[in-house]
Structure formats: structure tokens, C-alpha cells
N, C-alpha and C. Protein backbone atom coordinates (compact mmCIF):
# COMPACT_ATOMS: atom_id res chain seq x y z
N MET A 1 103.51 -119.16 -74.92
CA MET A 1 102.38 -118.69 -74.04
C MET A 1 102.52 -118.61 -72.61
N ASP A 2 102.31 -117.87 -72.03
CA ASP A 2 102.22 -117.84 -70.38
C ASP A 2 101.42 -118.71 -69.93
N GLY A 3 101.86 -119.52 -68.86
CA GLY A 3 100.66 -120.14 -68.21
C GLY A 3 100.37 -121.36 -68.63
N LEU A 4 101.02 -121.83 -69.89
CA LEU A 4 100.74 -123.08 -70.51
C LEU A 4 101.83 -124.27 -70.22
N VAL A 5 101.19 -125.17 -69.91
CA VAL A 5 102.61 -126.35 -69.80
C VAL A 5 102.06 -127.60 -70.86
N SER A 6 102.81 -127.92 -71.40
CA SER A 6 102.33 -128.99 -72.57
C SER A 6 103.29 -130.33 -72.38
N ALA A 7 102.82 -131.47 -72.85
CA ALA A 7 103.51 -132.71 -72.63
C ALA A 7 102.97 -133.46 -73.67
N CYS A 8 103.90 -134.22 -74.25
CA CYS A 8 103.42 -135.27 -75.46
C CYS A 8 104.23 -136.88 -75.34
N VAL A 9 103.62 -137.75 -75.40
CA VAL A 9 104.26 -139.07 -75.50
C VAL A 9 103.63 -139.69 -76.75
N SER A 10 104.72 -140.07 -77.60
CA SER A 10 104.59 -140.51 -79.18
C SER A 10 105.29 -141.97 -79.33
N THR A 11 104.27 -142.89 -79.89
CA THR A 11 104.83 -144.08 -80.39
C THR A 11 104.30 -143.96 -81.84
N PRO A 12 104.81 -144.89 -82.54
CA PRO A 12 104.10 -144.88 -83.93
C PRO A 12 102.70 -145.45 -84.11
N GLY A 13 102.13 -144.01 -84.49
CA GLY A 13 100.40 -144.39 -84.59
C GLY A 13 99.91 -144.05 -83.66
N LEU A 14 100.66 -143.54 -82.45
CA LEU A 14 99.93 -143.21 -81.15
C LEU A 14 100.36 -142.06 -80.59
N HIS A 15 99.81 -141.18 -80.19
CA HIS A 15 100.30 -139.87 -79.54
C HIS A 15 99.20 -139.51 -78.40
N VAL A 16 99.96 -139.16 -77.33
CA VAL A 16 99.19 -138.70 -75.99
C VAL A 16 99.67 -137.22 -75.58
N HIS A 17 98.95 -136.09 -75.57
CA HIS A 17 99.36 -135.22 -75.59
C HIS A 17 98.46 -134.25 -74.34
N ALA A 18 98.82 -133.80 -73.37
CA ALA A 18 98.47 -133.20 -72.25
C ALA A 18 98.76 -131.69 -72.14
N ALA A 19 97.89 -130.68 -72.01
CA ALA A 19 98.34 -129.46 -71.99
C ALA A 19 97.62 -129.05 -70.62
N ASP A 20 97.99 -128.14 -69.87
CA ASP A 20 97.37 -127.41 -68.79
C ASP A 20 97.75 -125.87 -69.11
N HIS A 21 96.54 -124.90 -68.99
CA HIS A 21 96.48 -123.69 -68.84
C HIS A 21 95.99 -123.01 -67.74
N LYS A 22 96.82 -122.44 -67.31
CA LYS A 22 96.67 -121.39 -65.95
C LYS A 22 96.02 -120.13 -66.38
N ALA A 23 94.90 -119.96 -66.28
CA ALA A 23 94.31 -118.42 -66.89
C ALA A 23 93.97 -117.97 -65.38
N PRO A 24 93.77 -116.62 -65.22
CA PRO A 24 93.59 -115.86 -64.23
C PRO A 24 92.34 -116.28 -63.23
N ALA A 25 91.52 -117.08 -64.01
CA ALA A 25 89.95 -117.41 -63.26
C ALA A 25 90.09 -119.10 -63.13
N GLY A 26 91.25 -119.57 -63.44
CA GLY A 26 91.53 -121.07 -62.81
C GLY A 26 92.30 -121.79 -64.13
N LEU A 27 92.44 -122.98 -63.92
CA LEU A 27 93.16 -124.15 -64.53
C LEU A 27 92.17 -124.85 -65.62
N VAL A 28 92.64 -125.04 -66.68
CA VAL A 28 91.93 -125.77 -67.87
C VAL A 28 92.82 -126.88 -68.16
N ARG A 29 92.75 -128.05 -68.26
CA ARG A 29 93.45 -129.12 -68.65
C ARG A 29 92.87 -130.00 -69.66
N VAL A 30 93.61 -130.13 -71.01
CA VAL A 30 93.25 -130.96 -71.85
C VAL A 30 94.10 -132.01 -72.33
N THR A 31 93.41 -133.21 -72.15
CA THR A 31 94.15 -134.40 -72.72
C THR A 31 93.75 -134.98 -73.96
N THR A 32 94.49 -135.35 -74.88
CA THR A 32 94.21 -135.98 -76.28
C THR A 32 94.84 -137.24 -76.50
N VAL A 33 94.25 -138.25 -77.01
CA VAL A 33 94.81 -139.41 -77.60
C VAL A 33 94.48 -139.53 -79.23
N VAL A 34 95.53 -139.58 -79.70
CA VAL A 34 95.30 -139.58 -81.41
C VAL A 34 95.88 -140.92 -81.60
N CYS A 35 95.02 -141.50 -82.46
CA CYS A 35 95.32 -143.03 -83.01
C CYS A 35 95.12 -143.00 -84.62
N ASP A 36 96.40 -143.15 -85.27
CA ASP A 36 96.31 -143.24 -86.76
C ASP A 36 95.56 -142.08 -87.16
N GLY A 37 96.06 -140.74 -86.72
CA GLY A 37 95.43 -139.51 -87.14
C GLY A 37 94.06 -139.16 -86.86
N SER A 38 93.41 -139.90 -85.99
CA SER A 38 92.05 -139.39 -85.49
C SER A 38 92.31 -139.30 -84.20
N LEU A 39 91.33 -138.26 -83.57
CA LEU A 39 91.29 -137.92 -82.16
C LEU A 39 90.42 -139.39 -81.53
N ASP A 40 91.24 -140.13 -80.89
CA ASP A 40 90.77 -141.32 -80.12
C ASP A 40 89.86 -141.04 -78.62
N ASP A 41 90.27 -140.01 -77.96
CA ASP A 41 89.72 -139.75 -76.75
C ASP A 41 90.29 -138.44 -76.57
N VAL A 42 89.32 -137.38 -75.86
CA VAL A 42 89.50 -136.21 -75.82
C VAL A 42 88.91 -136.01 -74.28
N THR A 43 89.68 -135.21 -73.20
CA THR A 43 89.17 -135.13 -72.07
C THR A 43 89.39 -133.59 -71.49
N ILE A 44 88.75 -132.88 -71.08
CA ILE A 44 88.83 -131.70 -70.73
C ILE A 44 88.28 -131.59 -69.31
N ALA A 45 89.08 -130.89 -68.72
CA ALA A 45 88.87 -130.99 -67.17
C ALA A 45 89.35 -129.51 -66.45
N GLY A 46 88.89 -129.09 -65.39
CA GLY A 46 89.80 -127.68 -64.74
C GLY A 46 89.06 -127.29 -63.81
N ASP A 47 89.13 -126.33 -63.29
CA ASP A 47 88.80 -125.26 -62.38
C ASP A 47 88.10 -124.25 -63.18
N PHE A 48 86.68 -124.65 -63.86
CA PHE A 48 85.88 -123.77 -64.40
C PHE A 48 84.32 -124.09 -64.45
N THR A 49 83.69 -123.14 -64.83
CA THR A 49 82.12 -123.54 -64.63
C THR A 49 81.51 -123.49 -66.36
N LEU A 50 81.13 -124.40 -66.61
CA LEU A 50 80.69 -124.57 -68.17
C LEU A 50 78.90 -124.66 -67.78
N LEU A 51 78.05 -124.24 -68.47
CA LEU A 51 76.86 -124.32 -68.64
C LEU A 51 76.01 -124.52 -70.14
N PRO A 52 75.24 -125.44 -70.26
CA PRO A 52 74.42 -126.19 -69.22
C PRO A 52 75.55 -127.46 -69.04
N GLN A 53 74.96 -128.01 -67.74
CA GLN A 53 76.11 -128.86 -67.25
C GLN A 53 76.53 -130.14 -67.93
N ASP A 54 75.87 -130.27 -69.15
CA ASP A 54 76.34 -131.53 -69.91
C ASP A 54 76.98 -131.01 -71.05
N ALA A 55 77.22 -129.55 -71.10
CA ALA A 55 78.05 -129.53 -72.31
C ALA A 55 79.38 -129.73 -72.37
N LEU A 56 80.07 -130.00 -71.44
CA LEU A 56 81.56 -130.57 -71.55
C LEU A 56 81.52 -131.95 -72.17
N ALA A 57 80.60 -132.77 -71.60
CA ALA A 57 80.40 -134.11 -72.13
C ALA A 57 80.17 -134.39 -73.84
N VAL A 58 79.12 -133.08 -74.24
CA VAL A 58 78.91 -133.14 -75.35
C VAL A 58 79.98 -132.62 -76.00
N LEU A 59 80.82 -131.77 -75.92
CA LEU A 59 82.12 -131.20 -76.65
C LEU A 59 82.85 -132.48 -76.52
N GLU A 60 83.49 -133.23 -75.53
CA GLU A 60 84.44 -134.07 -75.75
C GLU A 60 83.74 -135.31 -76.80
N ALA A 61 82.53 -135.48 -76.65
CA ALA A 61 81.73 -136.57 -77.51
C ALA A 61 82.09 -136.19 -79.22
N ARG A 62 81.76 -134.94 -79.35
CA ARG A 62 82.01 -134.49 -80.52
C ARG A 62 83.43 -134.39 -81.16
N LEU A 63 84.42 -134.39 -80.23
CA LEU A 63 85.85 -134.32 -80.57
C LEU A 63 86.19 -135.48 -80.84
N ASP A 64 85.71 -136.62 -79.95
CA ASP A 64 86.17 -137.86 -80.25
C ASP A 64 86.09 -138.33 -81.75
N GLY A 65 87.06 -139.09 -82.00
CA GLY A 65 87.08 -139.71 -83.71
C GLY A 65 87.11 -138.62 -84.51
N LEU A 66 87.35 -137.33 -84.38
CA LEU A 66 87.65 -136.59 -85.40
C LEU A 66 88.89 -136.47 -86.04
N ASN A 67 88.53 -136.59 -87.69
CA ASN A 67 90.01 -136.57 -88.30
C ASN A 67 90.68 -135.36 -88.46
N GLN A 68 91.99 -135.41 -87.87
CA GLN A 68 92.81 -134.02 -87.87
C GLN A 68 93.21 -133.80 -89.29
N ILE A 69 93.37 -134.48 -90.26
CA ILE A 69 93.36 -133.75 -91.77
C ILE A 69 92.31 -133.48 -92.36
N ALA A 70 91.12 -133.89 -92.00
CA ALA A 70 89.95 -133.50 -92.46
C ALA A 70 89.46 -131.97 -91.79
N ARG A 71 89.94 -131.60 -90.92
CA ARG A 71 89.87 -130.41 -90.22
C ARG A 71 90.90 -129.33 -90.85
N GLY A 72 91.54 -129.86 -91.60
CA GLY A 72 92.55 -128.83 -92.32
C GLY A 72 93.75 -128.60 -91.69
N GLN A 73 94.39 -129.46 -90.82
CA GLN A 73 95.32 -129.22 -89.69
C GLN A 73 96.19 -130.55 -90.21
N PRO A 74 97.01 -130.39 -91.15
CA PRO A 74 97.92 -131.38 -91.79
C PRO A 74 98.82 -131.94 -90.37
N GLY A 75 99.05 -132.91 -90.19
CA GLY A 75 99.88 -133.31 -89.00
C GLY A 75 99.06 -133.34 -87.49
N GLY A 76 98.20 -132.43 -87.57
CA GLY A 76 97.19 -131.87 -86.43
C GLY A 76 98.27 -132.10 -84.94
N VAL A 77 97.51 -132.87 -83.96
CA VAL A 77 98.29 -133.27 -82.63
C VAL A 77 99.38 -134.29 -83.14
N ASP A 78 99.28 -134.87 -84.21
CA ASP A 78 100.30 -135.97 -84.71
C ASP A 78 101.63 -135.32 -84.77
N ALA A 79 101.92 -134.04 -84.99
CA ALA A 79 102.95 -133.32 -85.08
C ALA A 79 103.51 -132.78 -83.82
N CYS A 80 103.26 -133.30 -82.58
CA CYS A 80 103.62 -132.87 -81.37
C CYS A 80 104.99 -133.46 -81.36
N VAL A 81 105.98 -132.74 -80.58
CA VAL A 81 107.19 -132.98 -80.49
C VAL A 81 107.29 -133.89 -79.21
């Protein structure tokens, strides 16, 4: 995908994945920490506007703790190389 930069660091049971997407309107950066198959932390940042102002914090909080397999994505972020 054009404009996408991705990196992943893995140890047994713990994976940190960071992705940057350069869109025409700005940069979006997502960092996830997956511990034992569940999202332990999600951070979304970049050069964009999201309203209402607390929407980003609400989205990050709802993603934290989400189980990858329950979402129907076997391996999910754990499958990063």
C-alpha cells in the first residue's frame, strides 16, 4: 500500500506493531501492543482532526483488551513478521 510504513517487534507472547500511513490530508500513526493474543495498548496519533474531541480516547479505550481471535482474525496482530 502506498504511503504505509510498518514495523513489528516480537518476543514470545508480546508483539509491538507500529504503522504510519501518509495520506494526502496528513499522517496517521497507530501503535499496538499485543500480549498473549489480546490488545494490551492501542495508541492512535497523527496529523488529523477528529470530532468530538474525546472520540479518539474513547476509540483507543474500546480497543484496549480486545481479543484478536474473538474478532475472527486468527493470529491477528500476533501474525506480524
